[in-house]
Amino acid sequence: MGEILIRKYREEDEAEWLRVHAIIMSIPHAWNFIIQERPVYEGHESTKLVAVSDGKIVGLTDVQYENEPGELH
């Protein structure tokens, strides 16, 4: 693996993002649901980042921010 770059998610990343998400879901201690499209965080601010190495997404993080404390579970 080459150098890792952390950058903002781009719409053109969606297919690769879903591929990496599916790999994460195959790990036994990961979440217990599969998604068919990337979540949209309507009405909330969010940070969406990907880790890229050799032109491929190798990691990801999405953070959705609460508008009111405790509203997101």
PDB file of N, CA and C in Angstrom:
ATOM      1  N   MET A   1       0.853  -1.172   0.000  1.00  0.00           N
ATOM      2  CA  MET A   1       0.000   0.000   0.000  1.00  0.00           C
ATOM      3  C   MET A   1       0.895   1.229   0.000  1.00  0.00           C
ATOM      4  N   GLY A   2       0.519   2.194  -0.826  1.00  0.00           N
ATOM      5  CA  GLY A   2       1.274   3.433  -0.915  1.00  0.00           C
ATOM      6  C   GLY A   2       0.867   4.426   0.160  1.00  0.00           C
ATOM      7  N   GLU A   3       1.191   5.667  -0.077  1.00  0.00           N
ATOM      8  CA  GLU A   3       0.841   6.753   0.836  1.00  0.00           C
ATOM      9  C   GLU A   3      -0.675   6.856   0.959  1.00  0.00           C
ATOM     10  N   ILE A   4      -1.152   7.197   2.141  1.00  0.00           N
ATOM     11  CA  ILE A   4      -2.587   7.347   2.371  1.00  0.00           C
ATOM     12  C   ILE A   4      -2.930   8.831   2.449  1.00  0.00           C
ATOM     13  N   LEU A   5      -3.928   9.222   1.680  1.00  0.00           N
ATOM     14  CA  LEU A   5      -4.424  10.589   1.635  1.00  0.00           C
ATOM     15  C   LEU A   5      -5.817  10.611   2.233  1.00  0.00           C
ATOM     16  N   ILE A   6      -6.089  11.521   3.147  1.00  0.00           N
ATOM     17  CA  ILE A   6      -7.433  11.718   3.698  1.00  0.00           C
ATOM     18  C   ILE A   6      -8.020  12.938   3.007  1.00  0.00           C
ATOM     19  N   ARG A   7      -9.204  12.755   2.414  1.00  0.00           N
ATOM     20  CA  ARG A   7      -9.849  13.862   1.717  1.00  0.00           C
ATOM     21  C   ARG A   7     -11.358  13.776   1.881  1.00  0.00           C
ATOM     22  N   LYS A   8     -12.030  14.853   1.488  1.00  0.00           N
ATOM     23  CA  LYS A   8     -13.485  14.880   1.541  1.00  0.00           C
ATOM     24  C   LYS A   8     -14.067  13.899   0.531  1.00  0.00           C
ATOM     25  N   TYR A   9     -15.179  13.295   0.906  1.00  0.00           N
ATOM     26  CA  TYR A   9     -15.939  12.424   0.024  1.00  0.00           C
ATOM     27  C   TYR A   9     -16.451  13.228  -1.163  1.00  0.00           C
ATOM     28  N   ARG A  10     -16.433  12.611  -2.351  1.00  0.00           N
ATOM     29  CA  ARG A  10     -16.982  13.224  -3.564  1.00  0.00           C
ATOM     30  C   ARG A  10     -18.090  12.325  -4.101  1.00  0.00           C
ATOM     31  N   GLU A  11     -19.050  12.887  -4.781  1.00  0.00           N
ATOM     32  CA  GLU A  11     -20.157  12.085  -5.324  1.00  0.00           C
ATOM     33  C   GLU A  11     -19.660  10.945  -6.198  1.00  0.00           C
ATOM     34  N   GLU A  12     -18.596  11.166  -6.945  1.00  0.00           N
ATOM     35  CA  GLU A  12     -18.070  10.107  -7.812  1.00  0.00           C
ATOM     36  C   GLU A  12     -17.422   8.961  -7.030  1.00  0.00           C
ATOM     37  N   ASP A  13     -17.280   9.100  -5.709  1.00  0.00           N
ATOM     38  CA  ASP A  13     -16.736   8.050  -4.849  1.00  0.00           C
ATOM     39  C   ASP A  13     -17.775   6.998  -4.471  1.00  0.00           C
ATOM     40  N   GLU A  14     -19.054   7.232  -4.801  1.00  0.00           N
ATOM     41  CA  GLU A  14     -20.122   6.401  -4.233  1.00  0.00           C
ATOM     42  C   GLU A  14     -19.926   4.900  -4.446  1.00  0.00           C
ATOM     43  N   ALA A  15     -19.645   4.442  -5.648  1.00  0.00           N
ATOM     44  CA  ALA A  15     -19.513   3.002  -5.897  1.00  0.00           C
ATOM     45  C   ALA A  15     -18.364   2.403  -5.086  1.00  0.00           C
ATOM     46  N   GLU A  16     -17.238   3.088  -5.055  1.00  0.00           N
ATOM     47  CA  GLU A  16     -16.083   2.598  -4.285  1.00  0.00           C
ATOM     48  C   GLU A  16     -16.376   2.660  -2.793  1.00  0.00           C
ATOM     49  N   TRP A  17     -17.085   3.715  -2.335  1.00  0.00           N
ATOM     50  CA  TRP A  17     -17.466   3.855  -0.934  1.00  0.00           C
ATOM     51  C   TRP A  17     -18.334   2.671  -0.520  1.00  0.00           C
ATOM     52  N   LEU A  18     -19.320   2.304  -1.374  1.00  0.00           N
ATOM     53  CA  LEU A  18     -20.194   1.170  -1.077  1.00  0.00           C
ATOM     54  C   LEU A  18     -19.417  -0.138  -1.041  1.00  0.00           C
ATOM     55  N   ARG A  19     -18.409  -0.298  -1.919  1.00  0.00           N
ATOM     56  CA  ARG A  19     -17.581  -1.506  -1.916  1.00  0.00           C
ATOM     57  C   ARG A  19     -16.829  -1.638  -0.591  1.00  0.00           C
ATOM     58  N   VAL A  20     -16.221  -0.537  -0.145  1.00  0.00           N
ATOM     59  CA  VAL A  20     -15.486  -0.562   1.119  1.00  0.00           C
ATOM     60  C   VAL A  20     -16.445  -0.797   2.283  1.00  0.00           C
ATOM     61  N   HIS A  21     -17.607  -0.169   2.251  1.00  0.00           N
ATOM     62  CA  HIS A  21     -18.606  -0.369   3.308  1.00  0.00           C
ATOM     63  C   HIS A  21     -19.003  -1.839   3.387  1.00  0.00           C
ATOM     64  N   ALA A  22     -19.196  -2.492   2.230  1.00  0.00           N
ATOM     65  CA  ALA A  22     -19.561  -3.918   2.213  1.00  0.00           C
ATOM     66  C   ALA A  22     -18.462  -4.774   2.823  1.00  0.00           C
ATOM     67  N   ILE A  23     -17.209  -4.439   2.565  1.00  0.00           N
ATOM     68  CA  ILE A  23     -16.094  -5.177   3.177  1.00  0.00           C
ATOM     69  C   ILE A  23     -16.141  -5.028   4.695  1.00  0.00           C
ATOM     70  N   ILE A  24     -16.383  -3.810   5.157  1.00  0.00           N
ATOM     71  CA  ILE A  24     -16.473  -3.573   6.604  1.00  0.00           C
ATOM     72  C   ILE A  24     -17.609  -4.410   7.197  1.00  0.00           C
ATOM     73  N   MET A  25     -18.737  -4.482   6.498  1.00  0.00           N
ATOM     74  CA  MET A  25     -19.883  -5.256   6.991  1.00  0.00           C
ATOM     75  C   MET A  25     -19.580  -6.747   7.095  1.00  0.00           C
ATOM     76  N   SER A  26     -18.603  -7.227   6.349  1.00  0.00           N
ATOM     77  CA  SER A  26     -18.272  -8.655   6.391  1.00  0.00           C
ATOM     78  C   SER A  26     -17.443  -9.022   7.616  1.00  0.00           C
ATOM     79  N   ILE A  27     -16.981  -8.032   8.356  1.00  0.00           N
ATOM     80  CA  ILE A  27     -16.197  -8.276   9.570  1.00  0.00           C
ATOM     81  C   ILE A  27     -17.163  -8.531  10.727  1.00  0.00           C
ATOM     82  N   PRO A  28     -17.013  -9.643  11.466  1.00  0.00           N
ATOM     83  CA  PRO A  28     -17.991 -10.041  12.486  1.00  0.00           C
ATOM     84  C   PRO A  28     -18.343  -8.968  13.518  1.00  0.00           C
ATOM     85  N   HIS A  29     -17.426  -8.125  13.909  1.00  0.00           N
ATOM     86  CA  HIS A  29     -17.748  -7.143  14.955  1.00  0.00           C
ATOM     87  C   HIS A  29     -18.272  -5.826  14.385  1.00  0.00           C
ATOM     88  N   ALA A  30     -18.542  -5.770  13.093  1.00  0.00           N
ATOM     89  CA  ALA A  30     -19.070  -4.556  12.465  1.00  0.00           C
ATOM     90  C   ALA A  30     -20.571  -4.451  12.708  1.00  0.00           C
ATOM     91  N   TRP A  31     -21.155  -3.354  12.219  1.00  0.00           N
ATOM     92  CA  TRP A  31     -22.595  -3.160  12.351  1.00  0.00           C
ATOM     93  C   TRP A  31     -23.341  -4.328  11.733  1.00  0.00           C
ATOM     94  N   ASN A  32     -24.609  -4.454  12.029  1.00  0.00           N
ATOM     95  CA  ASN A  32     -25.398  -5.589  11.564  1.00  0.00           C
ATOM     96  C   ASN A  32     -26.405  -5.218  10.484  1.00  0.00           C
ATOM     97  N   PHE A  33     -26.105  -4.252   9.648  1.00  0.00           N
ATOM     98  CA  PHE A  33     -27.015  -3.926   8.554  1.00  0.00           C
ATOM     99  C   PHE A  33     -26.215  -3.595   7.302  1.00  0.00           C
ATOM    100  N   ILE A  34     -26.815  -3.895   6.171  1.00  0.00           N
ATOM    101  CA  ILE A  34     -26.197  -3.634   4.872  1.00  0.00           C
ATOM    102  C   ILE A  34     -26.988  -2.520   4.200  1.00  0.00           C
ATOM    103  N   ILE A  35     -26.302  -1.642   3.502  1.00  0.00           N
ATOM    104  CA  ILE A  35     -26.974  -0.561   2.793  1.00  0.00           C
ATOM    105  C   ILE A  35     -26.728  -0.709   1.297  1.00  0.00           C
ATOM    106  N   GLN A  36     -27.653  -0.209   0.504  1.00  0.00           N
ATOM    107  CA  GLN A  36     -27.534  -0.274  -0.952  1.00  0.00           C
ATOM    108  C   GLN A  36     -27.153   1.075  -1.567  1.00  0.00           C
ATOM    109  N   GLU A  37     -27.216   2.111  -0.754  1.00  0.00           N
ATOM    110  CA  GLU A  37     -26.769   3.429  -1.219  1.00  0.00           C
ATOM    111  C   GLU A  37     -26.231   4.203  -0.027  1.00  0.00           C
ATOM    112  N   ARG A  38     -25.397   5.163  -0.320  1.00  0.00           N
ATOM    113  CA  ARG A  38     -24.763   5.950   0.732  1.00  0.00           C
ATOM    114  C   ARG A  38     -25.805   6.792   1.453  1.00  0.00           C
ATOM    115  N   PRO A  39     -25.780   6.853   2.784  1.00  0.00           N
ATOM    116  CA  PRO A  39     -26.769   7.646   3.521  1.00  0.00           C
ATOM    117  C   PRO A  39     -26.704   9.136   3.176  1.00  0.00           C
ATOM    118  N   VAL A  40     -27.853   9.769   3.217  1.00  0.00           N
ATOM    119  CA  VAL A  40     -27.954  11.219   3.054  1.00  0.00           C
ATOM    120  C   VAL A  40     -28.340  11.760   4.421  1.00  0.00           C
ATOM    121  N   TYR A  41     -27.660  12.764   4.880  1.00  0.00           N
ATOM    122  CA  TYR A  41     -27.908  13.305   6.217  1.00  0.00           C
ATOM    123  C   TYR A  41     -28.707  14.594   6.115  1.00  0.00           C
ATOM    124  N   GLU A  42     -29.923  14.494   5.571  1.00  0.00           N
ATOM    125  CA  GLU A  42     -30.760  15.679   5.382  1.00  0.00           C
ATOM    126  C   GLU A  42     -31.092  16.331   6.717  1.00  0.00           C
ATOM    127  N   GLY A  43     -30.982  17.644   6.745  1.00  0.00           N
ATOM    128  CA  GLY A  43     -31.330  18.387   7.937  1.00  0.00           C
ATOM    129  C   GLY A  43     -30.251  18.405   9.000  1.00  0.00           C
ATOM    130  N   HIS A  44     -29.113  17.767   8.727  1.00  0.00           N
ATOM    131  CA  HIS A  44     -28.011  17.732   9.690  1.00  0.00           C
ATOM    132  C   HIS A  44     -26.693  18.005   8.965  1.00  0.00           C
ATOM    133  N   GLU A  45     -25.814  18.699   9.631  1.00  0.00           N
ATOM    134  CA  GLU A  45     -24.476  18.851   9.092  1.00  0.00           C
ATOM    135  C   GLU A  45     -23.748  17.535   9.268  1.00  0.00           C
ATOM    136  N   SER A  46     -22.782  17.292   8.408  1.00  0.00           N
ATOM    137  CA  SER A  46     -22.008  16.060   8.517  1.00  0.00           C
ATOM    138  C   SER A  46     -20.618  16.265   7.955  1.00  0.00           C
ATOM    139  N   THR A  47     -19.720  15.409   8.366  1.00  0.00           N
ATOM    140  CA  THR A  47     -18.369  15.351   7.819  1.00  0.00           C
ATOM    141  C   THR A  47     -18.231  14.001   7.167  1.00  0.00           C
ATOM    142  N   LYS A  48     -17.822  13.981   5.900  1.00  0.00           N
ATOM    143  CA  LYS A  48     -17.679  12.743   5.146  1.00  0.00           C
ATOM    144  C   LYS A  48     -16.266  12.713   4.589  1.00  0.00           C
ATOM    145  N   LEU A  49     -15.462  11.768   5.062  1.00  0.00           N
ATOM    146  CA  LEU A  49     -14.072  11.668   4.635  1.00  0.00           C
ATOM    147  C   LEU A  49     -13.775  10.276   4.113  1.00  0.00           C
ATOM    148  N   VAL A  50     -12.825  10.179   3.195  1.00  0.00           N
ATOM    149  CA  VAL A  50     -12.340   8.892   2.718  1.00  0.00           C
ATOM    150  C   VAL A  50     -10.823   8.880   2.822  1.00  0.00           C
ATOM    151  N   ALA A  51     -10.266   7.694   3.022  1.00  0.00           N
ATOM    152  CA  ALA A  51      -8.828   7.480   2.977  1.00  0.00           C
ATOM    153  C   ALA A  51      -8.535   6.807   1.639  1.00  0.00           C
ATOM    154  N   VAL A  52      -7.615   7.374   0.873  1.00  0.00           N
ATOM    155  CA  VAL A  52      -7.316   6.873  -0.465  1.00  0.00           C
ATOM    156  C   VAL A  52      -5.851   6.472  -0.542  1.00  0.00           C
ATOM    157  N   SER A  53      -5.590   5.292  -1.126  1.00  0.00           N
ATOM    158  CA  SER A  53      -4.235   4.825  -1.368  1.00  0.00           C
ATOM    159  C   SER A  53      -4.198   4.170  -2.736  1.00  0.00           C
ATOM    160  N   ASP A  54      -3.231   4.518  -3.527  1.00  0.00           N
ATOM    161  CA  ASP A  54      -3.090   3.972  -4.880  1.00  0.00           C
ATOM    162  C   ASP A  54      -4.384   4.111  -5.684  1.00  0.00           C
ATOM    163  N   GLY A  55      -5.092   5.235  -5.499  1.00  0.00           N
ATOM    164  CA  GLY A  55      -6.303   5.506  -6.255  1.00  0.00           C
ATOM    165  C   GLY A  55      -7.545   4.772  -5.782  1.00  0.00           C
ATOM    166  N   LYS A  56      -7.455   4.020  -4.704  1.00  0.00           N
ATOM    167  CA  LYS A  56      -8.593   3.251  -4.181  1.00  0.00           C
ATOM    168  C   LYS A  56      -8.940   3.744  -2.785  1.00  0.00           C
ATOM    169  N   ILE A  57     -10.238   3.743  -2.468  1.00  0.00           N
ATOM    170  CA  ILE A  57     -10.668   4.064  -1.113  1.00  0.00           C
ATOM    171  C   ILE A  57     -10.328   2.874  -0.224  1.00  0.00           C
ATOM    172  N   VAL A  58      -9.591   3.137   0.838  1.00  0.00           N
ATOM    173  CA  VAL A  58      -9.187   2.072   1.763  1.00  0.00           C
ATOM    174  C   VAL A  58      -9.777   2.272   3.161  1.00  0.00           C
ATOM    175  N   GLY A  59     -10.497   3.365   3.356  1.00  0.00           N
ATOM    176  CA  GLY A  59     -11.140   3.640   4.638  1.00  0.00           C
ATOM    177  C   GLY A  59     -12.126   4.773   4.469  1.00  0.00           C
ATOM    178  N   LEU A  60     -13.041   4.899   5.421  1.00  0.00           N
ATOM    179  CA  LEU A  60     -14.049   5.943   5.332  1.00  0.00           C
ATOM    180  C   LEU A  60     -14.576   6.281   6.713  1.00  0.00           C
ATOM    181  N   THR A  61     -15.101   7.477   6.815  1.00  0.00           N
ATOM    182  CA  THR A  61     -15.808   7.876   8.024  1.00  0.00           C
ATOM    183  C   THR A  61     -16.868   8.907   7.654  1.00  0.00           C
ATOM    184  N   ASP A  62     -18.035   8.747   8.225  1.00  0.00           N
ATOM    185  CA  ASP A  62     -19.117   9.714   8.099  1.00  0.00           C
ATOM    186  C   ASP A  62     -19.531  10.088   9.521  1.00  0.00           C
ATOM    187  N   VAL A  63     -19.651  11.362   9.779  1.00  0.00           N
ATOM    188  CA  VAL A  63     -20.089  11.824  11.088  1.00  0.00           C
ATOM    189  C   VAL A  63     -21.279  12.744  10.880  1.00  0.00           C
ATOM    190  N   GLN A  64     -22.395  12.413  11.511  1.00  0.00           N
ATOM    191  CA  GLN A  64     -23.602  13.231  11.437  1.00  0.00           C
ATOM    192  C   GLN A  64     -23.729  13.964  12.765  1.00  0.00           C
ATOM    193  N   TYR A  65     -23.957  15.267  12.699  1.00  0.00           N
ATOM    194  CA  TYR A  65     -24.024  16.090  13.904  1.00  0.00           C
ATOM    195  C   TYR A  65     -25.464  16.324  14.337  1.00  0.00           C
ATOM    196  N   GLU A  66     -25.704  16.246  15.626  1.00  0.00           N
ATOM    197  CA  GLU A  66     -27.034  16.510  16.175  1.00  0.00           C
ATOM    198  C   GLU A  66     -27.340  18.000  16.129  1.00  0.00           C
ATOM    199  N   ASN A  67     -28.590  18.314  15.827  1.00  0.00           N
ATOM    200  CA  ASN A  67     -29.056  19.702  15.948  1.00  0.00           C
ATOM    201  C   ASN A  67     -29.433  19.978  17.402  1.00  0.00           C
ATOM    202  N   GLU A  68     -29.951  18.974  18.083  1.00  0.00           N
ATOM    203  CA  GLU A  68     -30.318  19.063  19.499  1.00  0.00           C
ATOM    204  C   GLU A  68     -29.677  17.866  20.204  1.00  0.00           C
ATOM    205  N   PRO A  69     -29.071  18.076  21.373  1.00  0.00           N
ATOM    206  CA  PRO A  69     -28.430  16.978  22.084  1.00  0.00           C
ATOM    207  C   PRO A  69     -29.382  15.792  22.303  1.00  0.00           C
ATOM    208  N   GLY A  70     -28.921  14.604  21.947  1.00  0.00           N
ATOM    209  CA  GLY A  70     -29.689  13.380  22.170  1.00  0.00           C
ATOM    210  C   GLY A  70     -30.661  12.996  21.073  1.00  0.00           C
ATOM    211  N   GLU A  71     -30.779  13.803  20.009  1.00  0.00           N
ATOM    212  CA  GLU A  71     -31.767  13.494  18.973  1.00  0.00           C
ATOM    213  C   GLU A  71     -31.367  12.308  18.089  1.00  0.00           C
ATOM    214  N   LEU A  72     -30.085  12.050  17.933  1.00  0.00           N
ATOM    215  CA  LEU A  72     -29.618  10.950  17.109  1.00  0.00           C
ATOM    216  C   LEU A  72     -29.209   9.789  18.007  1.00  0.00           C
ATOM    217  N   HIS A  73     -29.647   8.601  17.654  1.00  0.00           N
ATOM    218  CA  HIS A  73     -29.312   7.431  18.480  1.00  0.00           C
ATOM    219  C   HIS A  73     -28.488   6.475  17.677  1.00  0.00           C
TER     220      HIS A  73
END
